[in-house]
C-alpha atoms as a PDB file:
ATOM      1  CA  UNK A   1      -0.308  -0.062   0.016  1.00  0.00           C
ATOM      2  CA  UNK A   2       1.306   3.481  -0.858  1.00  0.00           C
ATOM      3  CA  UNK A   3       1.928   6.404   1.647  1.00  0.00           C
ATOM      4  CA  UNK A   4      -0.035   9.083   0.378  1.00  0.00           C
ATOM      5  CA  UNK A   5      -0.210  11.280   3.766  1.00  0.00           C
ATOM      6  CA  UNK A   6       3.428  12.298   3.504  1.00  0.00           C
ATOM      7  CA  UNK A   7       5.212  13.803   0.462  1.00  0.00           C
ATOM      8  CA  UNK A   8       8.651  12.245   0.063  1.00  0.00           C
ATOM      9  CA  UNK A   9      11.164  12.295  -2.816  1.00  0.00           C
ATOM     10  CA  UNK A  10      11.768   9.830  -5.353  1.00  0.00           C
ATOM     11  CA  UNK A  11      15.119   9.076  -3.888  1.00  0.00           C
ATOM     12  CA  UNK A  12      13.691   8.356  -0.343  1.00  0.00           C
ATOM     13  CA  UNK A  13      10.541   6.250  -1.604  1.00  0.00           C
ATOM     14  CA  UNK A  14      13.050   4.048  -3.456  1.00  0.00           C
ATOM     15  CA  UNK A  15      15.075   3.582  -0.071  1.00  0.00           C
ATOM     16  CA  UNK A  16      11.900   3.065   1.845  1.00  0.00           C
ATOM     17  CA  UNK A  17      10.742   0.689  -0.970  1.00  0.00           C
ATOM     18  CA  UNK A  18      14.045  -1.710  -0.321  1.00  0.00           C
ATOM     19  CA  UNK A  19      13.604  -1.324   3.281  1.00  0.00           C
ATOM     20  CA  UNK A  20      10.233  -2.705   3.295  1.00  0.00           C
ATOM     21  CA  UNK A  21      10.694  -5.473   0.670  1.00  0.00           C
ATOM     22  CA  UNK A  22      13.740  -6.580   2.967  1.00  0.00           C
ATOM     23  CA  UNK A  23      11.711  -6.430   6.203  1.00  0.00           C
ATOM     24  CA  UNK A  24       8.773  -8.636   4.592  1.00  0.00           C
ATOM     25  CA  UNK A  25      10.931 -11.062   2.381  1.00  0.00           C
ATOM     26  CA  UNK A  26      14.315 -11.158   3.978  1.00  0.00           C
ATOM     27  CA  UNK A  27      13.156 -11.131   7.601  1.00  0.00           C
ATOM     28  CA  UNK A  28      15.140  -7.764   8.337  1.00  0.00           C
ATOM     29  CA  UNK A  29      17.830  -5.640   7.132  1.00  0.00           C
ATOM     30  CA  UNK A  30      20.592  -2.962   8.417  1.00  0.00           C
ATOM     31  CA  UNK A  31      22.155   0.322   7.132  1.00  0.00           C
ATOM     32  CA  UNK A  32      25.298  -1.855   6.012  1.00  0.00           C
ATOM     33  CA  UNK A  33      23.337  -3.962   3.761  1.00  0.00           C
ATOM     34  CA  UNK A  34      20.873  -1.057   2.306  1.00  0.00           C
ATOM     35  CA  UNK A  35      24.183   1.187   1.944  1.00  0.00           C
ATOM     36  CA  UNK A  36      25.450  -1.721  -0.263  1.00  0.00           C
ATOM     37  CA  UNK A  37      22.251  -2.116  -1.877  1.00  0.00           C
ATOM     38  CA  UNK A  38      22.222   1.551  -3.072  1.00  0.00           C
ATOM     39  CA  UNK A  39      25.980   2.048  -2.946  1.00  0.00           C
ATOM     40  CA  UNK A  40      25.789   5.063  -0.676  1.00  0.00           C
ATOM     41  CA  UNK A  41      27.560   5.711   2.523  1.00  0.00           C
ATOM     42  CA  UNK A  42      26.179   4.056   5.917  1.00  0.00           C
ATOM     43  CA  UNK A  43      25.346   7.458   7.388  1.00  0.00           C
ATOM     44  CA  UNK A  44      23.075   8.075   4.477  1.00  0.00           C
ATOM     45  CA  UNK A  45      20.833   5.254   4.839  1.00  0.00           C
ATOM     46  CA  UNK A  46      20.882   5.645   8.669  1.00  0.00           C
ATOM     47  CA  UNK A  47      19.066   8.671   8.047  1.00  0.00           C
ATOM     48  CA  UNK A  48      16.637   7.356   5.807  1.00  0.00           C
ATOM     49  CA  UNK A  49      15.885   4.503   8.199  1.00  0.00           C
ATOM     50  CA  UNK A  50      15.463   7.077  10.896  1.00  0.00           C
ATOM     51  CA  UNK A  51      13.199   9.221   8.612  1.00  0.00           C
ATOM     52  CA  UNK A  52      10.846   5.998   8.215  1.00  0.00           C
ATOM     53  CA  UNK A  53      11.055   5.038  11.589  1.00  0.00           C
ATOM     54  CA  UNK A  54       9.635   8.476  12.274  1.00  0.00           C
ATOM     55  CA  UNK A  55       6.709   8.335  10.130  1.00  0.00           C
ATOM     56  CA  UNK A  56       6.133   4.625  10.529  1.00  0.00           C
ATOM     57  CA  UNK A  57       7.217   3.722  14.117  1.00  0.00           C
ATOM     58  CA  UNK A  58       4.926   0.420  14.474  1.00  0.00           C
ATOM     59  CA  UNK A  59       6.591  -1.075  11.427  1.00  0.00           C
ATOM     60  CA  UNK A  60       9.888  -1.862  12.695  1.00  0.00           C
ATOM     61  CA  UNK A  61      12.029  -2.558  15.773  1.00  0.00           C
ATOM     62  CA  UNK A  62      15.693  -2.958  16.135  1.00  0.00           C
ATOM     63  CA  UNK A  63      16.882  -6.567  17.341  1.00  0.00           C
ATOM     64  CA  UNK A  64      20.157  -5.937  19.145  1.00  0.00           C
ATOM     65  CA  UNK A  65      20.329  -9.603  20.251  1.00  0.00           C
ATOM     66  CA  UNK A  66      20.317 -11.001  16.378  1.00  0.00           C
ATOM     67  CA  UNK A  67      23.928 -11.701  15.516  1.00  0.00           C
ATOM     68  CA  UNK A  68      23.249  -9.749  12.514  1.00  0.00           C
ATOM     69  CA  UNK A  69      21.932  -6.742  14.135  1.00  0.00           C
ATOM     70  CA  UNK A  70      18.947  -5.814  12.221  1.00  0.00           C
ATOM     71  CA  UNK A  71      15.758  -4.102  11.896  1.00  0.00           C
ATOM     72  CA  UNK A  72      12.880  -6.625  11.695  1.00  0.00           C
ATOM     73  CA  UNK A  73       9.112  -6.179  11.137  1.00  0.00           C
ATOM     74  CA  UNK A  74       6.976  -6.204  14.165  1.00  0.00           C
ATOM     75  CA  UNK A  75       3.893  -7.867  14.471  1.00  0.00           C
ATOM     76  CA  UNK A  76       1.893  -4.871  13.261  1.00  0.00           C
ATOM     77  CA  UNK A  77       4.210  -4.601  10.166  1.00  0.00           C
ATOM     78  CA  UNK A  78       1.975  -2.881   7.272  1.00  0.00           C
ATOM     79  CA  UNK A  79       3.680  -1.903   4.064  1.00  0.00           C
ATOM     80  CA  UNK A  80       3.416   1.757   3.224  1.00  0.00           C
ATOM     81  CA  UNK A  81       5.345   1.879   0.014  1.00  0.00           C
ATOM     82  CA  UNK A  82       5.295  -1.332  -1.513  1.00  0.00           C
ATOM     83  CA  UNK A  83       2.916  -4.687  -2.053  1.00  0.00           C
ATOM     84  CA  UNK A  84       3.566  -7.550  -0.163  1.00  0.00           C
ATOM     85  CA  UNK A  85       4.066  -9.407  -3.688  1.00  0.00           C
ATOM     86  CA  UNK A  86       6.914 -11.976  -4.151  1.00  0.00           C
ATOM     87  CA  UNK A  87       7.231 -10.867  -7.870  1.00  0.00           C
ATOM     88  CA  UNK A  88       7.474  -7.324  -7.032  1.00  0.00           C
ATOM     89  CA  UNK A  89      10.367  -7.957  -4.560  1.00  0.00           C
ATOM     90  CA  UNK A  90      12.153 -10.066  -6.891  1.00  0.00           C
ATOM     91  CA  UNK A  91      11.830  -7.466  -9.776  1.00  0.00           C
ATOM     92  CA  UNK A  92      12.935  -4.585  -7.387  1.00  0.00           C
ATOM     93  CA  UNK A  93      16.020  -6.409  -6.270  1.00  0.00           C
ATOM     94  CA  UNK A  94      17.131  -7.492  -9.659  1.00  0.00           C
ATOM     95  CA  UNK A  95      16.405  -4.275 -11.428  1.00  0.00           C
ATOM     96  CA  UNK A  96      18.273  -2.231  -8.654  1.00  0.00           C
ATOM     97  CA  UNK A  97      21.093  -4.248  -7.305  1.00  0.00           C
ATOM     98  CA  UNK A  98      22.531  -7.624  -8.564  1.00  0.00           C
ATOM     99  CA  UNK A  99      25.714  -6.739  -6.733  1.00  0.00           C
ATOM    100  CA  UNK A 100      23.546  -6.498  -3.508  1.00  0.00           C
ATOM    101  CA  UNK A 101      22.537 -10.060  -4.270  1.00  0.00           C
ATOM    102  CA  UNK A 102      25.783 -11.166  -4.988  1.00  0.00           C
ATOM    103  CA  UNK A 103      27.849  -9.739  -1.989  1.00  0.00           C
ATOM    104  CA  UNK A 104      24.861 -10.445   0.905  1.00  0.00           C
ATOM    105  CA  UNK A 105      23.959 -13.795  -0.322  1.00  0.00           C
ATOM    106  CA  UNK A 106      26.731 -14.983  -3.178  1.00  0.00           C
ATOM    107  CA  UNK A 107      26.900 -14.678  -6.703  1.00  0.00           C
ATOM    108  CA  UNK A 108      25.356 -17.938  -7.354  1.00  0.00           C
ATOM    109  CA  UNK A 109      22.660 -17.901  -4.441  1.00  0.00           C
ATOM    110  CA  UNK A 110      19.713 -16.364  -6.272  1.00  0.00           C
ATOM    111  CA  UNK A 111      18.694 -17.423 -10.145  1.00  0.00           C
ATOM    112  CA  UNK A 112      15.528 -15.553 -11.310  1.00  0.00           C
ATOM    113  CA  UNK A 113      15.390 -17.441 -14.316  1.00  0.00           C
ATOM    114  CA  UNK A 114      11.902 -17.670 -16.181  1.00  0.00           C
ATOM    115  CA  UNK A 115       8.848 -15.877 -15.235  1.00  0.00           C
ATOM    116  CA  UNK A 116       7.328 -17.264 -11.967  1.00  0.00           C
ATOM    117  CA  UNK A 117       3.595 -17.381 -10.913  1.00  0.00           C
ATOM    118  CA  UNK A 118       3.991 -18.852  -7.156  1.00  0.00           C
ATOM    119  CA  UNK A 119       4.181 -16.468  -4.177  1.00  0.00           C
ATOM    120  CA  UNK A 120       5.955 -18.120  -1.489  1.00  0.00           C
ATOM    121  CA  UNK A 121       4.961 -17.435   2.369  1.00  0.00           C
ATOM    122  CA  UNK A 122       7.273 -14.856   3.555  1.00  0.00           C
ATOM    123  CA  UNK A 123       7.710 -16.507   6.841  1.00  0.00           C
ATOM    124  CA  UNK A 124       9.615 -19.406   4.913  1.00  0.00           C
ATOM    125  CA  UNK A 125      11.655 -17.188   2.876  1.00  0.00           C
ATOM    126  CA  UNK A 126      12.714 -14.973   5.823  1.00  0.00           C
ATOM    127  CA  UNK A 127      14.275 -17.774   7.754  1.00  0.00           C
ATOM    128  CA  UNK A 128      15.820 -19.538   4.686  1.00  0.00           C
ATOM    129  CA  UNK A 129      17.380 -16.374   3.670  1.00  0.00           C
ATOM    130  CA  UNK A 130      18.940 -15.650   6.784  1.00  0.00           C
ATOM    131  CA  UNK A 131      20.003 -19.413   6.958  1.00  0.00           C
ATOM    132  CA  UNK A 132      21.775 -18.413   3.394  1.00  0.00           C
ATOM    133  CA  UNK A 133      23.387 -15.528   4.615  1.00  0.00           C
ATOM    134  CA  UNK A 134      24.643 -16.834   8.018  1.00  0.00           C
ATOM    135  CA  UNK A 135      25.569 -20.603   6.613  1.00  0.00           C
ATOM    136  CA  UNK A 136      22.940 -22.311   8.765  1.00  0.00           C
ATOM    137  CA  UNK A 137      21.212 -25.633   8.717  1.00  0.00           C
ATOM    138  CA  UNK A 138      17.549 -25.441   9.044  1.00  0.00           C
ATOM    139  CA  UNK A 139      15.011 -28.188  10.053  1.00  0.00           C
ATOM    140  CA  UNK A 140      11.971 -27.680   7.528  1.00  0.00           C
ATOM    141  CA  UNK A 141       8.450 -29.563   7.646  1.00  0.00           C
ATOM    142  CA  UNK A 142       8.288 -30.393   3.961  1.00  0.00           C
ATOM    143  CA  UNK A 143       5.280 -32.129   2.055  1.00  0.00           C
ATOM    144  CA  UNK A 144       5.844 -34.343  -0.887  1.00  0.00           C
ATOM    145  CA  UNK A 145       3.906 -36.783  -2.813  1.00  0.00           C
ATOM    146  CA  UNK A 146       5.450 -39.464  -0.761  1.00  0.00           C
ATOM    147  CA  UNK A 147       4.817 -37.702   2.502  1.00  0.00           C
ATOM    148  CA  UNK A 148       1.725 -35.301   1.642  1.00  0.00           C
ATOM    149  CA  UNK A 149       1.272 -34.394   5.396  1.00  0.00           C
ATOM    150  CA  UNK A 150       4.758 -33.379   5.798  1.00  0.00           C
ATOM    151  CA  UNK A 151       8.281 -34.901   6.910  1.00  0.00           C
ATOM    152  CA  UNK A 152      10.963 -33.298   8.825  1.00  0.00           C
ATOM    153  CA  UNK A 153      14.019 -32.594   6.990  1.00  0.00           C
ATOM    154  CA  UNK A 154      17.354 -31.253   7.938  1.00  0.00           C
ATOM    155  CA  UNK A 155      18.919 -29.385   5.100  1.00  0.00           C
ATOM    156  CA  UNK A 156      21.601 -26.533   4.419  1.00  0.00           C
ATOM    157  CA  UNK A 157      19.965 -23.837   1.974  1.00  0.00           C
ATOM    158  CA  UNK A 158      22.230 -22.496  -0.217  1.00  0.00           C
ATOM    159  CA  UNK A 159      20.156 -20.722  -3.144  1.00  0.00           C
ATOM    160  CA  UNK A 160      16.586 -19.668  -4.370  1.00  0.00           C
ATOM    161  CA  UNK A 161      15.589 -20.284  -7.937  1.00  0.00           C
ATOM    162  CA  UNK A 162      12.731 -21.009 -10.134  1.00  0.00           C
ATOM    163  CA  UNK A 163      11.707 -23.141 -12.606  1.00  0.00           C
ATOM    164  CA  UNK A 164       9.179 -20.776 -14.630  1.00  0.00           C
ATOM    165  CA  UNK A 165       6.280 -21.953 -12.482  1.00  0.00           C
ATOM    166  CA  UNK A 166       7.699 -22.371  -9.097  1.00  0.00           C
ATOM    167  CA  UNK A 167      10.323 -21.292  -6.680  1.00  0.00           C
ATOM    168  CA  UNK A 168      12.659 -23.755  -5.082  1.00  0.00           C
ATOM    169  CA  UNK A 169      15.393 -23.753  -2.423  1.00  0.00           C
ATOM    170  CA  UNK A 170      18.524 -25.443  -3.574  1.00  0.00           C
ATOM    171  CA  UNK A 171      19.684 -27.046  -0.141  1.00  0.00           C
ATOM    172  CA  UNK A 172      21.956 -30.348   0.910  1.00  0.00           C
ATOM    173  CA  UNK A 173      19.749 -32.538   2.419  1.00  0.00           C
ATOM    174  CA  UNK A 174      21.465 -34.090   5.281  1.00  0.00           C
ATOM    175  CA  UNK A 175      19.306 -37.280   5.332  1.00  0.00           C
ATOM    176  CA  UNK A 176      19.492 -38.134   1.933  1.00  0.00           C
ATOM    177  CA  UNK A 177      23.264 -36.799   1.861  1.00  0.00           C
ATOM    178  CA  UNK A 178      22.925 -34.929  -1.650  1.00  0.00           C
ATOM    179  CA  UNK A 179      21.995 -31.473  -2.919  1.00  0.00           C
ATOM    180  CA  UNK A 180      18.266 -31.378  -4.043  1.00  0.00           C
ATOM    181  CA  UNK A 181      15.725 -28.555  -4.933  1.00  0.00           C
ATOM    182  CA  UNK A 182      12.563 -28.056  -2.450  1.00  0.00           C
ATOM    183  CA  UNK A 183       9.478 -26.450  -3.616  1.00  0.00           C
ATOM    184  CA  UNK A 184       9.087 -23.482  -1.376  1.00  0.00           C
ATOM    185  CA  UNK A 185       5.111 -23.644  -1.579  1.00  0.00           C
ATOM    186  CA  UNK A 186       5.563 -27.485  -0.009  1.00  0.00           C
ATOM    187  CA  UNK A 187       7.826 -25.847   3.102  1.00  0.00           C
ATOM    188  CA  UNK A 188       5.301 -25.847   5.839  1.00  0.00           C
ATOM    189  CA  UNK A 189       7.729 -24.405   8.614  1.00  0.00           C
ATOM    190  CA  UNK A 190      11.546 -23.556   9.015  1.00  0.00           C
ATOM    191  CA  UNK A 191      13.290 -23.931  12.039  1.00  0.00           C
ATOM    192  CA  UNK A 192      17.014 -22.352  12.081  1.00  0.00           C
ATOM    193  CA  UNK A 193      19.585 -24.590  13.655  1.00  0.00           C
ATOM    194  CA  UNK A 194      23.338 -24.626  14.095  1.00  0.00           C
ATOM    195  CA  UNK A 195      26.252 -23.660  11.800  1.00  0.00           C
ATOM    196  CA  UNK A 196      26.621 -25.855   8.523  1.00  0.00           C
ATOM    197  CA  UNK A 197      29.838 -27.745   7.745  1.00  0.00           C
ATOM    198  CA  UNK A 198      28.709 -28.293   4.170  1.00  0.00           C
ATOM    199  CA  UNK A 199      30.035 -26.098   1.150  1.00  0.00           C
ATOM    200  CA  UNK A 200      27.700 -24.664  -1.425  1.00  0.00           C
ATOM    201  CA  UNK A 201      31.008 -25.325  -3.786  1.00  0.00           C
ATOM    202  CA  UNK A 202      30.429 -28.807  -3.325  1.00  0.00           C
ATOM    203  CA  UNK A 203      27.102 -28.958  -5.428  1.00  0.00           C
ATOM    204  CA  UNK A 204      28.901 -29.510  -8.606  1.00  0.00           C
ATOM    205  CA  UNK A 205      25.837 -29.381 -11.163  1.00  0.00           C
ATOM    206  CA  UNK A 206      24.485 -26.088  -9.798  1.00  0.00           C
ATOM    207  CA  UNK A 207      27.874 -24.488 -10.667  1.00  0.00           C
ATOM    208  CA  UNK A 208      28.273 -26.333 -13.942  1.00  0.00           C
ATOM    209  CA  UNK A 209      26.488 -24.653 -17.056  1.00  0.00           C
ATOM    210  CA  UNK A 210      25.055 -26.848 -19.588  1.00  0.00           C
ATOM    211  CA  UNK A 211      24.211 -26.003 -23.491  1.00  0.00           C
ATOM    212  CA  UNK A 212      21.046 -27.379 -24.278  1.00  0.00           C
ATOM    213  CA  UNK A 213      21.070 -28.005 -28.268  1.00  0.00           C
ATOM    214  CA  UNK A 214      17.640 -27.460 -29.608  1.00  0.00           C
ATOM    215  CA  UNK A 215      15.911 -27.888 -33.110  1.00  0.00           C
ATOM    216  CA  UNK A 216      12.553 -28.768 -34.640  1.00  0.00           C
ATOM    217  CA  UNK A 217      11.080 -32.207 -34.340  1.00  0.00           C
ATOM    218  CA  UNK A 218      12.259 -34.252 -37.292  1.00  0.00           C
ATOM    219  CA  UNK A 219       9.178 -35.522 -38.478  1.00  0.00           C
ATOM    220  CA  UNK A 220       8.108 -31.906 -39.160  1.00  0.00           C
ATOM    221  CA  UNK A 221       7.803 -30.859 -42.849  1.00  0.00           C
ATOM    222  CA  UNK A 222      11.005 -28.197 -43.902  1.00  0.00           C
ATOM    223  CA  UNK A 223       8.346 -25.531 -43.841  1.00  0.00           C
ATOM    224  CA  UNK A 224       7.077 -26.630 -40.713  1.00  0.00           C
ATOM    225  CA  UNK A 225      10.556 -26.701 -39.022  1.00  0.00           C
ATOM    226  CA  UNK A 226      11.034 -23.195 -40.124  1.00  0.00           C
ATOM    227  CA  UNK A 227       8.341 -21.965 -38.741  1.00  0.00           C
ATOM    228  CA  UNK A 228       8.999 -23.426 -35.323  1.00  0.00           C
ATOM    229  CA  UNK A 229      12.631 -21.860 -35.408  1.00  0.00           C
ATOM    230  CA  UNK A 230      11.229 -18.558 -36.412  1.00  0.00           C
ATOM    231  CA  UNK A 231       8.803 -18.590 -33.449  1.00  0.00           C
ATOM    232  CA  UNK A 232      11.687 -18.308 -31.571  1.00  0.00           C
ATOM    233  CA  UNK A 233      13.701 -15.930 -33.330  1.00  0.00           C
ATOM    234  CA  UNK A 234      15.923 -18.222 -35.295  1.00  0.00           C
ATOM    235  CA  UNK A 235      16.586 -19.731 -38.465  1.00  0.00           C
ATOM    236  CA  UNK A 236      18.605 -22.739 -37.462  1.00  0.00           C
ATOM    237  CA  UNK A 237      19.109 -25.093 -34.539  1.00  0.00           C
ATOM    238  CA  UNK A 238      19.876 -22.958 -31.463  1.00  0.00           C
ATOM    239  CA  UNK A 239      21.278 -23.255 -27.749  1.00  0.00           C
ATOM    240  CA  UNK A 240      20.208 -22.388 -24.382  1.00  0.00           C
ATOM    241  CA  UNK A 241      22.653 -22.347 -21.327  1.00  0.00           C
ATOM    242  CA  UNK A 242      21.530 -22.910 -18.000  1.00  0.00           C
ATOM    243  CA  UNK A 243      22.829 -24.388 -14.753  1.00  0.00           C
ATOM    244  CA  UNK A 244      23.222 -28.631 -14.599  1.00  0.00           C
ATOM    245  CA  UNK A 245      20.580 -28.227 -12.183  1.00  0.00           C
ATOM    246  CA  UNK A 246      18.061 -26.446 -14.053  1.00  0.00           C
ATOM    247  CA  UNK A 247      18.324 -28.491 -17.345  1.00  0.00           C
ATOM    248  CA  UNK A 248      15.286 -30.515 -16.697  1.00  0.00           C
ATOM    249  CA  UNK A 249      13.128 -27.803 -15.496  1.00  0.00           C
ATOM    250  CA  UNK A 250      14.259 -25.727 -18.766  1.00  0.00           C
ATOM    251  CA  UNK A 251      13.355 -28.696 -21.069  1.00  0.00           C
ATOM    252  CA  UNK A 252      10.097 -28.959 -19.287  1.00  0.00           C
ATOM    253  CA  UNK A 253       9.158 -25.237 -19.474  1.00  0.00           C
ATOM    254  CA  UNK A 254       9.522 -24.963 -23.070  1.00  0.00           C
ATOM    255  CA  UNK A 255       7.846 -28.146 -23.819  1.00  0.00           C
ATOM    256  CA  UNK A 256      11.255 -29.788 -25.674  1.00  0.00           C
ATOM    257  CA  UNK A 257      11.252 -33.436 -26.280  1.00  0.00           C
ATOM    258  CA  UNK A 258      14.172 -35.401 -24.990  1.00  0.00           C
ATOM    259  CA  UNK A 259      13.414 -38.193 -27.397  1.00  0.00           C
ATOM    260  CA  UNK A 260      11.574 -37.288 -30.550  1.00  0.00           C
ATOM    261  CA  UNK A 261      10.967 -41.058 -31.074  1.00  0.00           C
ATOM    262  CA  UNK A 262       8.275 -40.997 -28.221  1.00  0.00           C
ATOM    263  CA  UNK A 263       6.332 -37.871 -29.331  1.00  0.00           C
ATOM    264  CA  UNK A 264       5.029 -36.495 -32.154  1.00  0.00           C
ATOM    265  CA  UNK A 265       5.911 -33.303 -33.750  1.00  0.00           C
ATOM    266  CA  UNK A 266       2.519 -31.638 -33.604  1.00  0.00           C
ATOM    267  CA  UNK A 267       2.609 -32.094 -29.375  1.00  0.00           C
ATOM    268  CA  UNK A 268       6.270 -31.282 -29.202  1.00  0.00           C
ATOM    269  CA  UNK A 269       7.576 -29.348 -32.113  1.00  0.00           C
ATOM    270  CA  UNK A 270      11.165 -28.907 -30.528  1.00  0.00           C
ATOM    271  CA  UNK A 271      13.553 -31.389 -29.721  1.00  0.00           C
ATOM    272  CA  UNK A 272      16.783 -31.587 -27.745  1.00  0.00           C
ATOM    273  CA  UNK A 273      19.514 -32.460 -29.900  1.00  0.00           C
ATOM    274  CA  UNK A 274      22.372 -33.541 -27.650  1.00  0.00           C
ATOM    275  CA  UNK A 275      20.140 -35.548 -25.183  1.00  0.00           C
ATOM    276  CA  UNK A 276      23.115 -38.320 -24.987  1.00  0.00           C
ATOM    277  CA  UNK A 277      25.685 -35.601 -23.872  1.00  0.00           C
ATOM    278  CA  UNK A 278      23.443 -34.141 -20.972  1.00  0.00           C
ATOM    279  CA  UNK A 279      21.195 -36.848 -20.102  1.00  0.00           C
ATOM    280  CA  UNK A 280      23.142 -36.906 -16.631  1.00  0.00           C
ATOM    281  CA  UNK A 281      21.476 -33.549 -15.872  1.00  0.00           C
ATOM    282  CA  UNK A 282      17.893 -34.938 -16.680  1.00  0.00           C
ATOM    283  CA  UNK A 283      15.620 -35.997 -13.644  1.00  0.00           C
ATOM    284  CA  UNK A 284      15.486 -39.768 -12.825  1.00  0.00           C
ATOM    285  CA  UNK A 285      12.479 -41.272 -14.876  1.00  0.00           C
ATOM    286  CA  UNK A 286       9.505 -42.432 -12.593  1.00  0.00           C
END
């Protein structure tokens, strides 16, 4: 909800937006992180936070007991300059400060990717972001098809990414002893635990970039093949580069066939041309 009672400059409003987004979705922030976000001196941001607190004293409180020394949202927190929409937060963060994301969470900890429609629970994202910043383990109550009512899993979260439709947390699962994706919409509860000994650098397929070679289905006529390629702005087979962990998501999102012999060209006009070379990144078939 936009504040209309007090006139602020555009610059002040942008700083207030960043403050609210970080309070609501990241669980808190401080002058140091906001100064990094905007590339200005800490004192400048401290004045902006003070101005915001004077205008809306019930929205945030300083938590000196938190190791990060941050301002956190109160139970009465109500956005005044933003909407509580995940898509707004993501667009604002990436439009204004890729450097902030890199320095705060790491250069590989946030992958916007495609265009998501899911909006996760802020109570979940706040603790996941905190765990990523502090290198901590979390216990999550996670629902799956195998355990639709939920099951506790100890994980070390490292990154947030989307597959075009859903947002995921990339994390190390301590019970399965492997890196895996956890749908944010299926995480019912998050509890912060101790420091993790797992390094994100161990997630090889996350840091491996893969070229998916794509072309028209061979059963289509030459005219149909040309049309399909033109739909994507090409006149010959092309490549999409993505993280190894996101290969199958990308293929699913664009409805690309892995094996043209199993599907028709009408249903799947595009096919993966190098399936044999990249099949190690495909999800196991059920």
